[in-house]
Each structure stands twice: as structure tokens, then as C-alpha cells.
C-alpha atoms as a PDB file:
ATOM      1  CA  MET A   1       0.000   0.000   0.000  1.00  0.00           C
ATOM      2  CA  GLU A   2       3.018   2.215   0.562  1.00  0.00           C
ATOM      3  CA  LYS A   3       3.760   2.451  -3.182  1.00  0.00           C
ATOM      4  CA  LEU A   4       0.143   3.349  -3.930  1.00  0.00           C
ATOM      5  CA  ILE A   5       0.139   6.110  -1.303  1.00  0.00           C
ATOM      6  CA  GLU A   6       3.372   7.487  -2.773  1.00  0.00           C
ATOM      7  CA  TYR A   7       1.757   7.397  -6.220  1.00  0.00           C
ATOM      8  CA  PHE A   8      -1.269   9.367  -4.998  1.00  0.00           C
ATOM      9  CA  LYS A   9       0.949  11.973  -3.305  1.00  0.00           C
ATOM     10  CA  ALA A  10       3.048  12.434  -6.454  1.00  0.00           C
ATOM     11  CA  ASN A  11       0.024  12.563  -8.779  1.00  0.00           C
ATOM     12  CA  ARG A  12      -2.684  14.809  -7.349  1.00  0.00           C
ATOM     13  CA  GLY A  13      -6.239  13.802  -8.172  1.00  0.00           C
ATOM     14  CA  THR A  14      -5.384  10.237  -9.124  1.00  0.00           C
ATOM     15  CA  GLN A  15      -7.100   8.687  -6.103  1.00  0.00           C
ATOM     16  CA  LYS A  16     -10.433  10.061  -7.349  1.00  0.00           C
ATOM     17  CA  MET A  17      -9.615   9.024 -10.919  1.00  0.00           C
ATOM     18  CA  LEU A  18      -8.790   5.479  -9.750  1.00  0.00           C
ATOM     19  CA  ALA A  19     -11.972   5.354  -7.673  1.00  0.00           C
ATOM     20  CA  ASP A  20     -14.013   6.407 -10.715  1.00  0.00           C
ATOM     21  CA  HIS A  21     -12.199   3.809 -12.829  1.00  0.00           C
ATOM     22  CA  LEU A  22     -13.067   1.073 -10.302  1.00  0.00           C
ATOM     23  CA  GLY A  23     -16.624   2.310  -9.691  1.00  0.00           C
ATOM     24  CA  LEU A  24     -15.817   3.088  -6.044  1.00  0.00           C
ATOM     25  CA  GLN A  25     -15.892   6.122  -3.791  1.00  0.00           C
ATOM     26  CA  PRO A  26     -12.502   7.776  -3.088  1.00  0.00           C
ATOM     27  CA  SER A  27     -13.192   7.279   0.624  1.00  0.00           C
ATOM     28  CA  THR A  28     -13.323   3.520   0.040  1.00  0.00           C
ATOM     29  CA  ILE A  29      -9.804   3.550  -1.373  1.00  0.00           C
ATOM     30  CA  SER A  30      -8.530   5.748   1.451  1.00  0.00           C
ATOM     31  CA  GLN A  31      -9.739   3.107   3.933  1.00  0.00           C
ATOM     32  CA  TRP A  32      -7.798   0.263   2.318  1.00  0.00           C
ATOM     33  CA  LYS A  33      -5.062  -1.249   4.479  1.00  0.00           C
ATOM     34  CA  ASN A  34      -3.981  -3.340   1.453  1.00  0.00           C
ATOM     35  CA  VAL A  35      -5.103  -3.337  -2.163  1.00  0.00           C
ATOM     36  CA  PRO A  36      -7.941  -5.908  -2.312  1.00  0.00           C
ATOM     37  CA  VAL A  37      -7.123  -8.872  -4.533  1.00  0.00           C
ATOM     38  CA  GLU A  38     -10.274  -8.332  -6.588  1.00  0.00           C
ATOM     39  CA  HIS A  39      -8.986  -4.874  -7.601  1.00  0.00           C
ATOM     40  CA  LEU A  40      -5.293  -5.704  -7.888  1.00  0.00           C
ATOM     41  CA  PRO A  41      -5.083  -6.143 -11.704  1.00  0.00           C
ATOM     42  CA  GLU A  42      -6.967  -2.921 -12.409  1.00  0.00           C
ATOM     43  CA  VAL A  43      -5.014  -0.896  -9.835  1.00  0.00           C
ATOM     44  CA  SER A  44      -1.737  -2.195 -11.248  1.00  0.00           C
ATOM     45  CA  ASP A  45      -2.765  -1.395 -14.827  1.00  0.00           C
ATOM     46  CA  PHE A  46      -4.056   2.071 -13.882  1.00  0.00           C
ATOM     47  CA  THR A  47      -1.016   3.106 -11.838  1.00  0.00           C
ATOM     48  CA  GLY A  48       1.730   1.186 -13.625  1.00  0.00           C
ATOM     49  CA  ILE A  49       2.859  -0.170 -10.245  1.00  0.00           C
ATOM     50  CA  PRO A  50       3.665  -3.903 -10.467  1.00  0.00           C
ATOM     51  CA  ARG A  51       1.341  -6.186  -8.504  1.00  0.00           C
ATOM     52  CA  GLU A  52       4.226  -7.503  -6.426  1.00  0.00           C
ATOM     53  CA  ASP A  53       4.974  -3.923  -5.309  1.00  0.00           C
ATOM     54  CA  LEU A  54       1.332  -3.233  -4.454  1.00  0.00           C
ATOM     55  CA  VAL A  55       0.919  -6.384  -2.347  1.00  0.00           C
ATOM     56  CA  PRO A  56       4.432  -7.651  -1.589  1.00  0.00           C
ATOM     57  CA  HIS A  57       3.323 -10.130   1.095  1.00  0.00           C
ATOM     58  CA  ALA A  58       1.197 -11.959  -1.478  1.00  0.00           C
ATOM     59  CA  PHE A  59       4.146 -12.417  -3.823  1.00  0.00           C
ATOM     60  CA  ARG A  60       6.757 -13.676  -1.389  1.00  0.00           C
ATOM     61  CA  PRO A  61       8.868 -16.667  -2.448  1.00  0.00           C
ATOM     62  CA  ALA A  62       7.577 -20.110  -1.502  1.00  0.00           C
ATOM     63  CA  LYS A  63       8.971 -21.672   1.639  1.00  0.00           C
ATOM     64  CA  GLU A  64      11.357 -24.557   1.070  1.00  0.00           C
ATOM     65  CA  SER A  65       9.797 -27.909   1.839  1.00  0.00           C
ATOM     66  CA  ALA A  66      11.491 -30.316   4.250  1.00  0.00           C
ATOM     67  CA  ALA A  67      11.355 -33.223   1.808  1.00  0.00           C
END
């Protein structure tokens, strides 16, 4: 979420534009703790921020198995 907040600060008005693009209220986006998975592809496409940067904990490497 940190990258998205930085994006909004650097690009005034884009939070409202993204909300309109997603069919949401800007206040909904401002309440996000993390980008919801159901909006991840659209947010990534709109902002140009890679998905793994928007939700890094979801794209962590797999744990090694003890096989």
C-alpha cells in the first residue's frame, strides 16, 4: 500500500480518478489497508505499479519444503 500512497501523493487527483475507474468512492480507497485482490489487476494497470509492489506479502517466495 506504501507504493500506492506514494503514487497518490506524487500525482494529485489520481485517487479520485482510480476510484471512478473502479466504480468506487474515493473514501473507500482511502480506507484500504492493502489493495484488495479483486482490484489488484486494475489498480496495477491504472497506476503502472507492479502487482508484487502493491501487495508484496502476497508475492513472497515459496517456503522450502522439508522433503
